[in-house]
């Protein structure tokens, strides 16, 4: 509740504010600095802006491209706000964070603002976080969607005038509330990962040991597989398939009006292919230039490289052209694509993939690996039994995961709303 009367701020994305609050520009509360570290970079910790805020990061971090030297990096000090206001169309990266460390160095692409004595730094962070949550940064100005903001743009962003004591009260209240929400979010995310591990364990048990109780077992002859049912055998995937291959190793001529999707690994992973807004398209004339693989209702598509290698989807006769990171496995008509897809999700399959990866910087699952992929093979009748069992068990687990994911979505929405309502005065800290 808010005991104060509200007035229109005159700024659409801020909305109403308390009657005794005012508006000024960011430059009246912050100054910009860019202190290049130079040859002393070895004396400073490397810092980075992440979804978890400003954190320390190793200078030889294997994630992403690393500079040969850090001499061009800039110094970030405690209570500075650091902004990443490039590539604003990407909504999955953090845009602002408060430095909790005495000193460190950050990328020269960041913008650093130092607060003056009129602003409580943590309140400033929450205020600009709310702007990021509501995607305000990339809609500032009169020229529509912005891809980046410069220092001058940032310093001229409106910010609310509140006495510093009130700012501190709001920040401390939000610290407490957001800390509790974050704790629940973290526990929920851990729970989801545990359910995913349970699902993989259930799948692995079923596709390598079966679901029939009290049956004779034999040594598979493979260390990481162990014992398998006595009447099962091992067979290479190529003997179950009509054709195994990958997609186009060049770039086709795209057509935004085309009706055929150009598919790569990022479209694969769900039960069915996912066509995203940025999935490229081609037309029928372009499609006709390329030799088409043998794909039918018994085809499984598989991601061949990158972090998501080994992810699978069913092919459902969609109009598609495969790119080089998308592979396909077209099984003989008597084989069960459902059993194979479950098998490829098992821990055993993941181990086989991991042991055979090619590529120095990007993991690459080769066609040779797929052709020689070892399958623990029960009878077709038992495959159908296993598929029916796993369909039911996995549906139960997926439903639990879905509920957890819905809780995460609701909590994240509530957190964003909470920050916005308090930093703009629509709700008052009691």
Foldseek 3Di string as FASTA:
>chain_A
DFPADWDALVDVVQGIFGPPKHKDFQLVWWDWDFAFQAPCQVVFFEWDQFPVAIDTDDQVDLPDDHDPDRRRWGKDAALKKKAQFAQLVPLRGDGIHGDHHGMHTYHPNIIIIHGDPQEDSLLVRLVVSLCSVVSNSQQDDDPGGHRGDDPVRRRGDMAMRDGHVQSVLLSVVLVVVVVVLVVLLVVLVVVLVVLLVVLQVLLQCCQFANDDPDADWDALPDVVRGIYGPQWHKDFLLVFFPDKWAFDADDFDFDPPAQAFEDAQVQFAPQAGRDDPPTTHHHPVRVVVDDDDDDDQQKKKFFFKAPRGLHIYGDDPGRYGYYGRIMMTRGDPLDDSLLVNSVSSHPVVVVLQVVDFDDDSMTGRDSVSNRRPMGGGDDSVSSVVSSVVSVVVVVVSVVVSVVSVVVSVVSVVVSSVSSSCSSRNVDGDD
